[in-house]
C-alpha cells in the first residue's frame, strides 16, 4: 500500500523505528509492542475512507491483526486521505467512536513570531533531570479523559522511544527553560529531509507568553541547520488554537488528516 498522506507518512517515522509496520495491500498494520496502550501506535491504516458495512469488517481486521498479537484496550482506524474525506463514519460514531480531525501544516522556512519571548532558553535535552521535567509536563498536559496514573505508563514508554531516536541521531527533544525550570517542550525528528514535530506542550501557567512560538521557531531553525531538514511537518487539532501559533511562525495548512478512535473497549 502506497501512502500518499503526508501526515500518515510522517507518523510512520516512529513505529518504523521501534515497532512493526505490515503492508497488507488494502491496509497497513501499525504495531508498537513496547507500548500497547498507545492508540496511534497500534492501529490500522486503510487506503480508502470507510464505506457502508465497514464497521464490522474493520473491527474484525483489528481483532485479527492487532488483538491476536497483543492486548489492545482500544480500536483505532485511519485512512489515506489528504483532503479530510470522512467517508461513511456515521456507523462508527453511533458505536461510540470519536472522529479525529487534524490539519497538516508545513514550512520550508520560518519567520520570527510576532510575540517572541527573549527570556526562555531553548535547547536539546541532555541531563536526566531535564527528561524528568519533560515527562512531568507531558503527563500534566494530558487529554482530560485520562488520569495521571492512566496516562503516565503510556507517556513514559513514548518518551523512552524518543530518547532512543535522539541517541540514534534522528532528531532531538527540546525544552524551553527559564533558569532550571522547564516551561515548554517538543520533539523534532528528521528522515530523508522531512522533519516531523511531536507533542508540543507548554506548562499551563506559562501559556500566552510567546513561549510556544519562540520554541517552534528556534527548533525549526535547528532542524534546517543540524538535521538536514528541507521540509517541516506539524499536525494540529483542527479545532485547537495551536494551529494559529504555528502559522505565526510561517507554517501553512497543506492537508487534512482524519481517523476514528475508541478507547476502553
Protein backbone atom coordinates (compact mmCIF):
# COMPACT_ATOMS: atom_id res chain seq x y z
CA UNK A 1 0.00 0.00 0.00
CA UNK A 2 1.47 3.31 -1.08
CA UNK A 3 0.68 6.01 1.48
CA UNK A 4 0.06 9.44 -0.04
CA UNK A 5 -0.95 11.37 3.10
CA UNK A 6 1.99 13.42 4.37
CA UNK A 7 0.58 13.27 7.88
CA UNK A 8 0.39 9.48 7.99
CA UNK A 9 3.71 9.03 6.14
CA UNK A 10 5.50 11.05 8.79
CA UNK A 11 3.50 9.36 11.57
CA UNK A 12 5.16 6.14 10.46
CA UNK A 13 8.65 7.51 11.16
CA UNK A 14 8.14 6.40 14.75
CA UNK A 15 6.72 2.85 14.57
CA UNK A 16 9.20 2.09 11.80
CA UNK A 17 11.96 2.89 14.31
CA UNK A 18 10.86 0.62 17.15
CA UNK A 19 7.66 -1.14 16.11
CA UNK A 20 6.16 -3.20 13.31
CA UNK A 21 4.63 -1.94 10.05
CA UNK A 22 2.98 -4.57 7.84
CA UNK A 23 1.69 -3.86 4.32
CA UNK A 24 -1.49 -5.82 3.59
CA UNK A 25 -2.28 -4.14 0.27
CA UNK A 26 -5.67 -2.68 1.16
CA UNK A 27 -4.45 -1.56 4.56
CA UNK A 28 -1.32 -1.22 6.70
CA UNK A 29 -0.92 -2.68 10.18
CA UNK A 30 0.94 -0.48 12.69
CA UNK A 31 2.09 -2.09 15.95
CA UNK A 32 4.13 -0.79 18.86
CA UNK A 33 4.57 -3.83 21.13
CA UNK A 34 6.59 -1.86 23.68
CA UNK A 35 3.61 0.48 24.21
CA UNK A 36 0.33 -1.41 23.63
CA UNK A 37 -1.73 1.38 25.23
CA UNK A 38 -0.60 3.84 22.53
CA UNK A 39 -3.72 4.39 20.42
CA UNK A 40 -1.96 5.84 17.38
CA UNK A 41 0.92 3.40 17.69
CA UNK A 42 -1.35 0.37 17.36
CA UNK A 43 -3.90 0.86 14.60
CA UNK A 44 -4.95 0.03 11.04
CA UNK A 45 -4.41 2.48 8.21
CA UNK A 46 -6.69 1.89 5.20
CA UNK A 47 -6.20 3.03 1.62
CA UNK A 48 -9.76 4.37 1.41
CA UNK A 49 -12.25 6.06 3.77
CA UNK A 50 -14.83 3.80 5.43
CA UNK A 51 -17.77 2.66 3.33
CA UNK A 52 -21.13 1.28 4.42
CA UNK A 53 -20.60 -2.08 6.12
CA UNK A 54 -17.00 -1.37 7.11
CA UNK A 55 -17.65 -1.05 10.85
CA UNK A 56 -17.89 -4.81 11.40
CA UNK A 57 -15.23 -5.64 8.79
CA UNK A 58 -12.68 -3.15 10.11
CA UNK A 59 -13.26 -4.25 13.70
CA UNK A 60 -12.76 -7.88 12.70
CA UNK A 61 -9.50 -6.98 10.96
CA UNK A 62 -8.35 -5.14 14.08
CA UNK A 63 -9.03 -8.25 16.15
CA UNK A 64 -7.14 -10.37 13.63
CA UNK A 65 -4.14 -8.11 13.09
CA UNK A 66 -3.62 -6.43 16.47
CA UNK A 67 -5.57 -8.10 19.27
CA UNK A 68 -4.26 -11.54 18.26
CA UNK A 69 -0.71 -10.27 18.89
CA UNK A 70 -1.09 -8.10 21.99
CA UNK A 71 -3.53 -6.64 24.44
CA UNK A 72 -5.27 -3.61 22.92
CA UNK A 73 -7.90 -1.81 25.01
CA UNK A 74 -8.82 0.42 22.08
CA UNK A 75 -9.83 0.37 18.42
CA UNK A 76 -8.24 2.93 16.07
CA UNK A 77 -8.50 3.37 12.29
CA UNK A 78 -7.01 5.86 9.86
CA UNK A 79 -7.31 6.21 6.13
CA UNK A 80 -5.09 7.65 3.44
CA UNK A 81 -6.92 10.85 2.54
CA UNK A 82 -5.17 14.20 2.30
CA UNK A 83 -8.46 16.09 1.81
CA UNK A 84 -10.15 15.04 5.04
CA UNK A 85 -12.75 12.85 3.32
CA UNK A 86 -14.75 11.28 6.14
CA UNK A 87 -16.49 8.54 4.21
CA UNK A 88 -19.27 6.61 5.99
CA UNK A 89 -18.28 7.41 9.58
CA UNK A 90 -21.82 7.54 10.97
CA UNK A 91 -22.00 3.83 12.00
CA UNK A 92 -18.67 4.22 13.79
CA UNK A 93 -19.86 7.32 15.64
CA UNK A 94 -23.07 5.54 16.64
CA UNK A 95 -20.91 2.70 18.01
CA UNK A 96 -19.02 5.09 20.29
CA UNK A 97 -16.04 6.07 18.15
CA UNK A 98 -14.65 9.61 18.13
CA UNK A 99 -13.68 11.31 14.88
CA UNK A 100 -10.10 12.62 14.95
CA UNK A 101 -9.55 15.59 12.63
CA UNK A 102 -6.21 17.29 12.18
CA UNK A 103 -4.58 19.91 10.00
CA UNK A 104 -1.22 19.06 8.45
CA UNK A 105 0.88 22.22 8.35
CA UNK A 106 4.22 22.52 6.58
CA UNK A 107 7.05 25.02 6.20
CA UNK A 108 10.27 25.23 4.19
CA UNK A 109 11.37 28.32 6.07
CA UNK A 110 10.20 30.07 9.22
CA UNK A 111 9.72 33.65 10.32
CA UNK A 112 10.23 35.30 13.69
CA UNK A 113 6.91 35.11 15.55
CA UNK A 114 5.32 38.47 16.40
CA UNK A 115 5.27 37.57 20.11
CA UNK A 116 8.87 36.43 20.59
CA UNK A 117 9.93 35.56 24.12
CA UNK A 118 13.56 36.59 24.73
CA UNK A 119 13.71 35.20 28.27
CA UNK A 120 13.49 31.48 27.51
CA UNK A 121 16.47 29.32 26.53
CA UNK A 122 15.61 26.55 24.07
CA UNK A 123 17.99 23.58 23.90
CA UNK A 124 18.09 19.82 23.26
CA UNK A 125 17.77 17.73 26.39
CA UNK A 126 20.93 16.24 27.85
CA UNK A 127 20.57 15.69 31.58
CA UNK A 128 18.34 13.18 33.35
CA UNK A 129 16.60 15.92 35.36
CA UNK A 130 15.62 17.61 32.09
CA UNK A 131 14.00 14.42 30.78
CA UNK A 132 12.22 14.01 34.10
CA UNK A 133 10.75 17.52 33.84
CA UNK A 134 9.59 16.80 30.29
CA UNK A 135 7.81 13.63 31.37
CA UNK A 136 6.09 15.54 34.17
CA UNK A 137 4.95 18.27 31.79
CA UNK A 138 3.70 15.81 29.17
CA UNK A 139 1.66 13.96 31.79
CA UNK A 140 0.33 17.21 33.29
CA UNK A 141 -0.81 18.31 29.79
CA UNK A 142 -2.61 15.00 29.10
CA UNK A 143 -6.07 14.86 27.49
CA UNK A 144 -8.81 15.39 30.08
CA UNK A 145 -10.31 11.90 29.71
CA UNK A 146 -7.22 10.28 31.28
CA UNK A 147 -5.99 10.33 34.86
CA UNK A 148 -2.30 10.88 35.53
CA UNK A 149 -1.92 7.25 36.63
CA UNK A 150 -3.54 6.00 33.43
CA UNK A 151 -1.50 8.27 31.19
CA UNK A 152 1.96 8.02 32.77
CA UNK A 153 2.90 4.46 31.62
CA UNK A 154 1.97 5.31 28.01
CA UNK A 155 3.91 8.58 28.03
CA UNK A 156 6.90 7.02 29.82
CA UNK A 157 7.24 4.41 27.07
CA UNK A 158 6.76 7.02 24.38
CA UNK A 159 9.44 9.31 25.79
CA UNK A 160 11.83 6.37 26.04
CA UNK A 161 11.38 5.84 22.30
CA UNK A 162 12.08 9.49 21.52
CA UNK A 163 15.20 9.32 23.66
CA UNK A 164 16.42 6.30 21.71
CA UNK A 165 15.75 8.12 18.43
CA UNK A 166 17.75 11.09 19.70
CA UNK A 167 20.62 8.78 20.61
CA UNK A 168 20.41 7.30 17.11
CA UNK A 169 20.90 10.77 15.60
CA UNK A 170 17.42 11.06 14.08
CA UNK A 171 16.48 14.25 15.90
CA UNK A 172 16.14 15.58 19.41
CA UNK A 173 13.77 16.51 22.21
CA UNK A 174 13.90 20.16 23.21
CA UNK A 175 13.00 22.10 26.30
CA UNK A 176 12.32 25.79 26.77
CA UNK A 177 13.81 26.80 30.11
CA UNK A 178 13.65 29.74 32.47
CA UNK A 179 16.72 29.02 34.56
CA UNK A 180 16.37 25.37 35.54
CA UNK A 181 12.59 25.41 35.15
CA UNK A 182 11.19 23.69 32.08
CA UNK A 183 8.24 25.73 30.77
CA UNK A 184 7.62 24.01 27.41
CA UNK A 185 8.91 21.10 25.33
CA UNK A 186 8.61 19.35 21.97
CA UNK A 187 10.40 16.89 19.70
CA UNK A 188 11.69 17.15 16.13
CA UNK A 189 12.81 14.10 14.12
CA UNK A 190 14.00 14.03 10.53
CA UNK A 191 14.16 11.29 7.90
CA UNK A 192 15.19 11.91 4.29
CA UNK A 193 14.92 15.68 4.63
CA UNK A 194 11.40 15.70 6.10
CA UNK A 195 11.21 16.69 9.78
CA UNK A 196 8.18 15.98 11.95
CA UNK A 197 7.34 17.85 15.14
CA UNK A 198 5.98 15.90 18.12
CA UNK A 199 3.94 16.64 21.24
CA UNK A 200 4.27 20.41 21.62
CA UNK A 201 3.30 21.22 25.23
CA UNK A 202 3.59 24.34 27.39
CA UNK A 203 3.26 24.35 31.16
CA UNK A 204 -0.23 25.83 31.75
CA UNK A 205 0.86 28.80 33.89
CA UNK A 206 3.37 29.86 31.21
CA UNK A 207 0.97 29.89 28.27
CA UNK A 208 0.15 33.05 26.27
CA UNK A 209 3.66 34.42 26.79
CA UNK A 210 5.01 33.69 23.32
CA UNK A 211 6.97 30.67 24.55
CA UNK A 212 5.44 28.11 22.19
CA UNK A 213 6.01 30.18 19.05
CA UNK A 214 9.54 31.05 20.17
CA UNK A 215 10.35 27.39 20.79
CA UNK A 216 8.91 26.23 17.45
CA UNK A 217 10.85 28.95 15.61
CA UNK A 218 14.16 28.06 17.25
CA UNK A 219 13.71 24.31 16.88
CA UNK A 220 12.69 24.70 13.23
CA UNK A 221 15.95 26.51 12.52
CA UNK A 222 17.83 23.79 14.41
CA UNK A 223 16.20 21.26 12.08
CA UNK A 224 17.32 23.16 8.98
CA UNK A 225 20.85 23.72 10.27
CA UNK A 226 21.63 20.47 12.08
CA UNK A 227 19.23 17.74 10.92
CA UNK A 228 19.27 18.35 7.18
CA UNK A 229 15.57 19.21 7.11
CA UNK A 230 14.17 20.59 3.87
CA UNK A 231 10.52 20.46 4.89
CA UNK A 232 8.92 20.72 8.33
CA UNK A 233 5.66 18.97 9.20
CA UNK A 234 3.37 19.79 12.10
CA UNK A 235 -0.08 18.33 12.84
CA UNK A 236 -2.56 20.31 14.91
CA UNK A 237 -6.07 19.56 16.05
CA UNK A 238 -8.44 21.23 13.62
CA UNK A 239 -10.37 22.89 16.45
CA UNK A 240 -7.45 23.90 18.69
CA UNK A 241 -5.83 27.35 18.76
CA UNK A 242 -2.27 25.95 18.41
CA UNK A 243 -2.54 25.97 14.61
CA UNK A 244 -2.63 29.78 14.71
CA UNK A 245 0.60 29.83 16.72
CA UNK A 246 2.32 27.64 14.12
CA UNK A 247 1.03 29.82 11.31
CA UNK A 248 2.55 32.86 13.04
CA UNK A 249 5.96 31.19 12.59
CA UNK A 250 5.40 30.53 8.90
CA UNK A 251 3.62 27.16 8.74
CA UNK A 252 0.77 26.83 6.26
CA UNK A 253 -2.02 24.24 6.01
CA UNK A 254 -1.29 21.66 3.31
CA UNK A 255 -3.54 18.68 4.06
CA UNK A 256 -6.14 17.33 6.43
CA UNK A 257 -5.90 14.09 8.37
CA UNK A 258 -8.80 12.05 9.68
CA UNK A 259 -9.29 8.88 11.69
CA UNK A 260 -11.51 7.14 14.21
CA UNK A 261 -10.67 6.06 17.74
CA UNK A 262 -12.44 4.31 20.58
CA UNK A 263 -10.85 3.65 23.96
CA UNK A 264 -11.62 1.22 26.78
CA UNK A 265 -13.35 -1.31 24.53
